Amino acid sequence: MSMSSQKPYLIRAIYQWLLDNDCTPYLLVNTDYEGVVVPEQYIRDSRIVLNLAPDAIDGLNMDNDWV
């Protein structure tokens, strides 16, 4: 039997834990990764930090294949 990756479960758990403790969750994105589309004016050293707080985003999808 092959088990699925634990990473998406851990990411969702940490995200919820941060919200439960009134902290702002952020995501650091490597903008050199193929397929990343973000506002270029905010990229610094091939990275961008995204605020994932519920009041800063709409329609966040964190399933097992996609963040």
PDB file of N, CA and C in Angstrom:
ATOM      1  N   MET A   1       0.838  -1.183   0.000  1.00  0.00           N
ATOM      2  CA  MET A   1       0.000   0.000   0.000  1.00  0.00           C
ATOM      3  C   MET A   1       0.879   1.242   0.000  1.00  0.00           C
ATOM      4  N   SER A   2       0.560   2.180  -0.864  1.00  0.00           N
ATOM      5  CA  SER A   2       1.308   3.424  -0.965  1.00  0.00           C
ATOM      6  C   SER A   2       0.543   4.535  -0.238  1.00  0.00           C
ATOM      7  N   MET A   3       1.226   5.196   0.663  1.00  0.00           N
ATOM      8  CA  MET A   3       0.602   6.286   1.415  1.00  0.00           C
ATOM      9  C   MET A   3       0.809   7.606   0.690  1.00  0.00           C
ATOM     10  N   SER A   4      -0.148   8.499   0.838  1.00  0.00           N
ATOM     11  CA  SER A   4      -0.026   9.825   0.240  1.00  0.00           C
ATOM     12  C   SER A   4       0.953  10.673   1.052  1.00  0.00           C
ATOM     13  N   SER A   5       1.410  11.743   0.453  1.00  0.00           N
ATOM     14  CA  SER A   5       2.352  12.639   1.103  1.00  0.00           C
ATOM     15  C   SER A   5       1.724  13.301   2.321  1.00  0.00           C
ATOM     16  N   GLN A   6       2.511  13.473   3.350  1.00  0.00           N
ATOM     17  CA  GLN A   6       2.026  14.140   4.564  1.00  0.00           C
ATOM     18  C   GLN A   6       2.140  15.660   4.478  1.00  0.00           C
ATOM     19  N   LYS A   7       2.873  16.165   3.491  1.00  0.00           N
ATOM     20  CA  LYS A   7       3.106  17.610   3.391  1.00  0.00           C
ATOM     21  C   LYS A   7       1.839  18.449   3.324  1.00  0.00           C
ATOM     22  N   PRO A   8       0.862  18.122   2.462  1.00  0.00           N
ATOM     23  CA  PRO A   8      -0.330  18.981   2.409  1.00  0.00           C
ATOM     24  C   PRO A   8      -1.100  18.989   3.727  1.00  0.00           C
ATOM     25  N   TYR A   9      -1.088  17.888   4.445  1.00  0.00           N
ATOM     26  CA  TYR A   9      -1.785  17.815   5.727  1.00  0.00           C
ATOM     27  C   TYR A   9      -1.088  18.690   6.767  1.00  0.00           C
ATOM     28  N   LEU A  10       0.239  18.665   6.759  1.00  0.00           N
ATOM     29  CA  LEU A  10       0.997  19.487   7.690  1.00  0.00           C
ATOM     30  C   LEU A  10       0.842  20.972   7.383  1.00  0.00           C
ATOM     31  N   ILE A  11       0.843  21.318   6.101  1.00  0.00           N
ATOM     32  CA  ILE A  11       0.663  22.723   5.706  1.00  0.00           C
ATOM     33  C   ILE A  11      -0.694  23.233   6.172  1.00  0.00           C
ATOM     34  N   ARG A  12      -1.744  22.443   5.954  1.00  0.00           N
ATOM     35  CA  ARG A  12      -3.087  22.855   6.388  1.00  0.00           C
ATOM     36  C   ARG A  12      -3.178  22.945   7.903  1.00  0.00           C
ATOM     37  N   ALA A  13      -2.546  22.020   8.610  1.00  0.00           N
ATOM     38  CA  ALA A  13      -2.576  22.036  10.073  1.00  0.00           C
ATOM     39  C   ALA A  13      -1.851  23.267  10.626  1.00  0.00           C
ATOM     40  N   ILE A  14      -0.705  23.587  10.073  1.00  0.00           N
ATOM     41  CA  ILE A  14       0.043  24.764  10.531  1.00  0.00           C
ATOM     42  C   ILE A  14      -0.722  26.034  10.205  1.00  0.00           C
ATOM     43  N   TYR A  15      -1.328  26.090   9.029  1.00  0.00           N
ATOM     44  CA  TYR A  15      -2.139  27.242   8.643  1.00  0.00           C
ATOM     45  C   TYR A  15      -3.272  27.454   9.648  1.00  0.00           C
ATOM     46  N   GLN A  16      -3.998  26.393   9.955  1.00  0.00           N
ATOM     47  CA  GLN A  16      -5.115  26.513  10.896  1.00  0.00           C
ATOM     48  C   GLN A  16      -4.628  26.876  12.293  1.00  0.00           C
ATOM     49  N   TRP A  17      -3.504  26.305  12.712  1.00  0.00           N
ATOM     50  CA  TRP A  17      -2.921  26.605  14.024  1.00  0.00           C
ATOM     51  C   TRP A  17      -2.562  28.083  14.122  1.00  0.00           C
ATOM     52  N   LEU A  18      -1.961  28.642  13.061  1.00  0.00           N
ATOM     53  CA  LEU A  18      -1.627  30.068  13.052  1.00  0.00           C
ATOM     54  C   LEU A  18      -2.886  30.925  13.178  1.00  0.00           C
ATOM     55  N   LEU A  19      -3.931  30.590  12.426  1.00  0.00           N
ATOM     56  CA  LEU A  19      -5.181  31.351  12.513  1.00  0.00           C
ATOM     57  C   LEU A  19      -5.808  31.231  13.898  1.00  0.00           C
ATOM     58  N   ASP A  20      -5.814  30.037  14.464  1.00  0.00           N
ATOM     59  CA  ASP A  20      -6.383  29.818  15.798  1.00  0.00           C
ATOM     60  C   ASP A  20      -5.667  30.628  16.870  1.00  0.00           C
ATOM     61  N   ASN A  21      -4.403  30.961  16.623  1.00  0.00           N
ATOM     62  CA  ASN A  21      -3.609  31.717  17.591  1.00  0.00           C
ATOM     63  C   ASN A  21      -3.447  33.179  17.194  1.00  0.00           C
ATOM     64  N   ASP A  22      -4.362  33.656  16.326  1.00  0.00           N
ATOM     65  CA  ASP A  22      -4.399  35.056  15.894  1.00  0.00           C
ATOM     66  C   ASP A  22      -3.091  35.534  15.278  1.00  0.00           C
ATOM     67  N   CYS A  23      -2.420  34.643  14.557  1.00  0.00           N
ATOM     68  CA  CYS A  23      -1.198  34.998  13.826  1.00  0.00           C
ATOM     69  C   CYS A  23      -1.525  35.095  12.334  1.00  0.00           C
ATOM     70  N   THR A  24      -0.698  35.827  11.613  1.00  0.00           N
ATOM     71  CA  THR A  24      -0.874  35.960  10.174  1.00  0.00           C
ATOM     72  C   THR A  24      -0.017  34.925   9.459  1.00  0.00           C
ATOM     73  N   PRO A  25      -0.640  34.038   8.685  1.00  0.00           N
ATOM     74  CA  PRO A  25       0.143  33.067   7.922  1.00  0.00           C
ATOM     75  C   PRO A  25       0.706  33.696   6.651  1.00  0.00           C
ATOM     76  N   TYR A  26       1.968  33.434   6.387  1.00  0.00           N
ATOM     77  CA  TYR A  26       2.636  33.907   5.184  1.00  0.00           C
ATOM     78  C   TYR A  26       3.198  32.711   4.426  1.00  0.00           C
ATOM     79  N   LEU A  27       3.357  32.881   3.125  1.00  0.00           N
ATOM     80  CA  LEU A  27       3.937  31.852   2.280  1.00  0.00           C
ATOM     81  C   LEU A  27       5.072  32.482   1.479  1.00  0.00           C
ATOM     82  N   LEU A  28       6.258  31.914   1.576  1.00  0.00           N
ATOM     83  CA  LEU A  28       7.408  32.366   0.798  1.00  0.00           C
ATOM     84  C   LEU A  28       7.450  31.561  -0.494  1.00  0.00           C
ATOM     85  N   VAL A  29       7.442  32.259  -1.631  1.00  0.00           N
ATOM     86  CA  VAL A  29       7.390  31.608  -2.933  1.00  0.00           C
ATOM     87  C   VAL A  29       8.682  31.864  -3.697  1.00  0.00           C
ATOM     88  N   ASN A  30       9.265  30.797  -4.220  1.00  0.00           N
ATOM     89  CA  ASN A  30      10.426  30.897  -5.098  1.00  0.00           C
ATOM     90  C   ASN A  30       9.903  31.239  -6.486  1.00  0.00           C
ATOM     91  N   THR A  31      10.161  32.439  -6.941  1.00  0.00           N
ATOM     92  CA  THR A  31       9.618  32.897  -8.218  1.00  0.00           C
ATOM     93  C   THR A  31      10.393  32.374  -9.423  1.00  0.00           C
ATOM     94  N   ASP A  32      11.499  31.682  -9.191  1.00  0.00           N
ATOM     95  CA  ASP A  32      12.239  31.050 -10.281  1.00  0.00           C
ATOM     96  C   ASP A  32      11.590  29.738 -10.714  1.00  0.00           C
ATOM     97  N   TYR A  33      10.677  29.229  -9.912  1.00  0.00           N
ATOM     98  CA  TYR A  33      10.010  27.962 -10.220  1.00  0.00           C
ATOM     99  C   TYR A  33       9.103  28.139 -11.425  1.00  0.00           C
ATOM    100  N   GLU A  34       9.196  27.225 -12.361  1.00  0.00           N
ATOM    101  CA  GLU A  34       8.412  27.314 -13.598  1.00  0.00           C
ATOM    102  C   GLU A  34       6.908  27.332 -13.300  1.00  0.00           C
ATOM    103  N   GLY A  35       6.204  28.260 -13.914  1.00  0.00           N
ATOM    104  CA  GLY A  35       4.759  28.353 -13.758  1.00  0.00           C
ATOM    105  C   GLY A  35       4.290  29.333 -12.702  1.00  0.00           C
ATOM    106  N   VAL A  36       5.209  29.891 -11.914  1.00  0.00           N
ATOM    107  CA  VAL A  36       4.830  30.867 -10.891  1.00  0.00           C
ATOM    108  C   VAL A  36       4.468  32.186 -11.560  1.00  0.00           C
ATOM    109  N   VAL A  37       3.287  32.687 -11.260  1.00  0.00           N
ATOM    110  CA  VAL A  37       2.828  33.964 -11.807  1.00  0.00           C
ATOM    111  C   VAL A  37       2.445  34.860 -10.640  1.00  0.00           C
ATOM    112  N   VAL A  38       3.230  35.888 -10.414  1.00  0.00           N
ATOM    113  CA  VAL A  38       2.999  36.846  -9.326  1.00  0.00           C
ATOM    114  C   VAL A  38       3.332  38.243  -9.829  1.00  0.00           C
ATOM    115  N   PRO A  39       2.879  39.286  -9.126  1.00  0.00           N
ATOM    116  CA  PRO A  39       3.227  40.654  -9.534  1.00  0.00           C
ATOM    117  C   PRO A  39       4.743  40.870  -9.452  1.00  0.00           C
ATOM    118  N   GLU A  40       5.355  41.158 -10.577  1.00  0.00           N
ATOM    119  CA  GLU A  40       6.818  41.258 -10.639  1.00  0.00           C
ATOM    120  C   GLU A  40       7.393  42.390  -9.796  1.00  0.00           C
ATOM    121  N   GLN A  41       6.634  43.454  -9.583  1.00  0.00           N
ATOM    122  CA  GLN A  41       7.166  44.583  -8.825  1.00  0.00           C
ATOM    123  C   GLN A  41       7.415  44.233  -7.345  1.00  0.00           C
ATOM    124  N   TYR A  42       6.873  43.094  -6.867  1.00  0.00           N
ATOM    125  CA  TYR A  42       7.053  42.706  -5.466  1.00  0.00           C
ATOM    126  C   TYR A  42       8.089  41.603  -5.284  1.00  0.00           C
ATOM    127  N   ILE A  43       8.691  41.157  -6.369  1.00  0.00           N
ATOM    128  CA  ILE A  43       9.705  40.108  -6.288  1.00  0.00           C
ATOM    129  C   ILE A  43      11.023  40.702  -5.814  1.00  0.00           C
ATOM    130  N   ARG A  44      11.627  40.067  -4.815  1.00  0.00           N
ATOM    131  CA  ARG A  44      12.943  40.465  -4.296  1.00  0.00           C
ATOM    132  C   ARG A  44      13.811  39.214  -4.206  1.00  0.00           C
ATOM    133  N   ASP A  45      14.949  39.240  -4.858  1.00  0.00           N
ATOM    134  CA  ASP A  45      15.888  38.102  -4.828  1.00  0.00           C
ATOM    135  C   ASP A  45      15.199  36.795  -5.217  1.00  0.00           C
ATOM    136  N   SER A  46      14.381  36.842  -6.258  1.00  0.00           N
ATOM    137  CA  SER A  46      13.662  35.674  -6.783  1.00  0.00           C
ATOM    138  C   SER A  46      12.672  35.083  -5.783  1.00  0.00           C
ATOM    139  N   ARG A  47      12.188  35.918  -4.861  1.00  0.00           N
ATOM    140  CA  ARG A  47      11.216  35.461  -3.867  1.00  0.00           C
ATOM    141  C   ARG A  47      10.128  36.507  -3.678  1.00  0.00           C
ATOM    142  N   ILE A  48       8.982  36.030  -3.251  1.00  0.00           N
ATOM    143  CA  ILE A  48       7.886  36.912  -2.879  1.00  0.00           C
ATOM    144  C   ILE A  48       7.208  36.305  -1.645  1.00  0.00           C
ATOM    145  N   VAL A  49       6.779  37.147  -0.738  1.00  0.00           N
ATOM    146  CA  VAL A  49       6.074  36.706   0.459  1.00  0.00           C
ATOM    147  C   VAL A  49       4.602  37.056   0.289  1.00  0.00           C
ATOM    148  N   LEU A  50       3.750  36.043   0.431  1.00  0.00           N
ATOM    149  CA  LEU A  50       2.316  36.235   0.273  1.00  0.00           C
ATOM    150  C   LEU A  50       1.620  36.142   1.626  1.00  0.00           C
ATOM    151  N   ASN A  51       0.730  37.086   1.907  1.00  0.00           N
ATOM    152  CA  ASN A  51      -0.086  37.081   3.108  1.00  0.00           C
ATOM    153  C   ASN A  51      -1.279  36.161   2.848  1.00  0.00           C
ATOM    154  N   LEU A  52      -1.443  35.108   3.652  1.00  0.00           N
ATOM    155  CA  LEU A  52      -2.517  34.151   3.459  1.00  0.00           C
ATOM    156  C   LEU A  52      -3.639  34.296   4.486  1.00  0.00           C
ATOM    157  N   ALA A  53      -3.712  35.427   5.158  1.00  0.00           N
ATOM    158  CA  ALA A  53      -4.784  35.661   6.120  1.00  0.00           C
ATOM    159  C   ALA A  53      -6.124  35.677   5.381  1.00  0.00           C
ATOM    160  N   PRO A  54      -7.175  35.126   5.981  1.00  0.00           N
ATOM    161  CA  PRO A  54      -8.480  35.074   5.307  1.00  0.00           C
ATOM    162  C   PRO A  54      -8.990  36.430   4.824  1.00  0.00           C
ATOM    163  N   ASP A  55      -8.669  37.510   5.529  1.00  0.00           N
ATOM    164  CA  ASP A  55      -9.137  38.828   5.090  1.00  0.00           C
ATOM    165  C   ASP A  55      -8.261  39.436   3.995  1.00  0.00           C
ATOM    166  N   ALA A  56      -7.166  38.752   3.626  1.00  0.00           N
ATOM    167  CA  ALA A  56      -6.272  39.243   2.573  1.00  0.00           C
ATOM    168  C   ALA A  56      -6.433  38.481   1.268  1.00  0.00           C
ATOM    169  N   ILE A  57      -7.155  37.373   1.301  1.00  0.00           N
ATOM    170  CA  ILE A  57      -7.276  36.526   0.115  1.00  0.00           C
ATOM    171  C   ILE A  57      -8.727  36.096  -0.085  1.00  0.00           C
ATOM    172  N   ASP A  58      -8.990  35.557  -1.263  1.00  0.00           N
ATOM    173  CA  ASP A  58     -10.310  35.035  -1.569  1.00  0.00           C
ATOM    174  C   ASP A  58     -10.154  33.728  -2.332  1.00  0.00           C
ATOM    175  N   GLY A  59     -10.778  32.687  -1.859  1.00  0.00           N
ATOM    176  CA  GLY A  59     -10.770  31.421  -2.581  1.00  0.00           C
ATOM    177  C   GLY A  59      -9.495  30.618  -2.440  1.00  0.00           C
ATOM    178  N   LEU A  60      -8.856  30.656  -1.276  1.00  0.00           N
ATOM    179  CA  LEU A  60      -7.646  29.857  -1.073  1.00  0.00           C
ATOM    180  C   LEU A  60      -7.968  28.380  -1.225  1.00  0.00           C
ATOM    181  N   ASN A  61      -7.184  27.690  -2.035  1.00  0.00           N
ATOM    182  CA  ASN A  61      -7.358  26.262  -2.265  1.00  0.00           C
ATOM    183  C   ASN A  61      -6.102  25.545  -1.782  1.00  0.00           C
ATOM    184  N   MET A  62      -6.241  24.767  -0.720  1.00  0.00           N
ATOM    185  CA  MET A  62      -5.119  23.974  -0.222  1.00  0.00           C
ATOM    186  C   MET A  62      -5.555  22.514  -0.147  1.00  0.00           C
ATOM    187  N   ASP A  63      -5.616  21.875  -1.321  1.00  0.00           N
ATOM    188  CA  ASP A  63      -5.942  20.459  -1.302  1.00  0.00           C
ATOM    189  C   ASP A  63      -4.645  19.654  -1.365  1.00  0.00           C
ATOM    190  N   ASN A  64      -4.750  18.366  -1.557  1.00  0.00           N
ATOM    191  CA  ASN A  64      -3.549  17.522  -1.502  1.00  0.00           C
ATOM    192  C   ASN A  64      -2.596  17.720  -2.666  1.00  0.00           C
ATOM    193  N   ASP A  65      -3.057  18.343  -3.747  1.00  0.00           N
ATOM    194  CA  ASP A  65      -2.197  18.525  -4.918  1.00  0.00           C
ATOM    195  C   ASP A  65      -1.772  19.963  -5.160  1.00  0.00           C
ATOM    196  N   TRP A  66      -2.343  20.906  -4.437  1.00  0.00           N
ATOM    197  CA  TRP A  66      -2.208  22.305  -4.823  1.00  0.00           C
ATOM    198  C   TRP A  66      -2.303  23.218  -3.617  1.00  0.00           C
ATOM    199  N   VAL A  67      -1.424  24.178  -3.552  1.00  0.00           N
ATOM    200  CA  VAL A  67      -1.558  25.242  -2.535  1.00  0.00           C
ATOM    201  C   VAL A  67      -1.795  26.520  -3.275  1.00  0.00           C
TER     202      VAL A  67
END
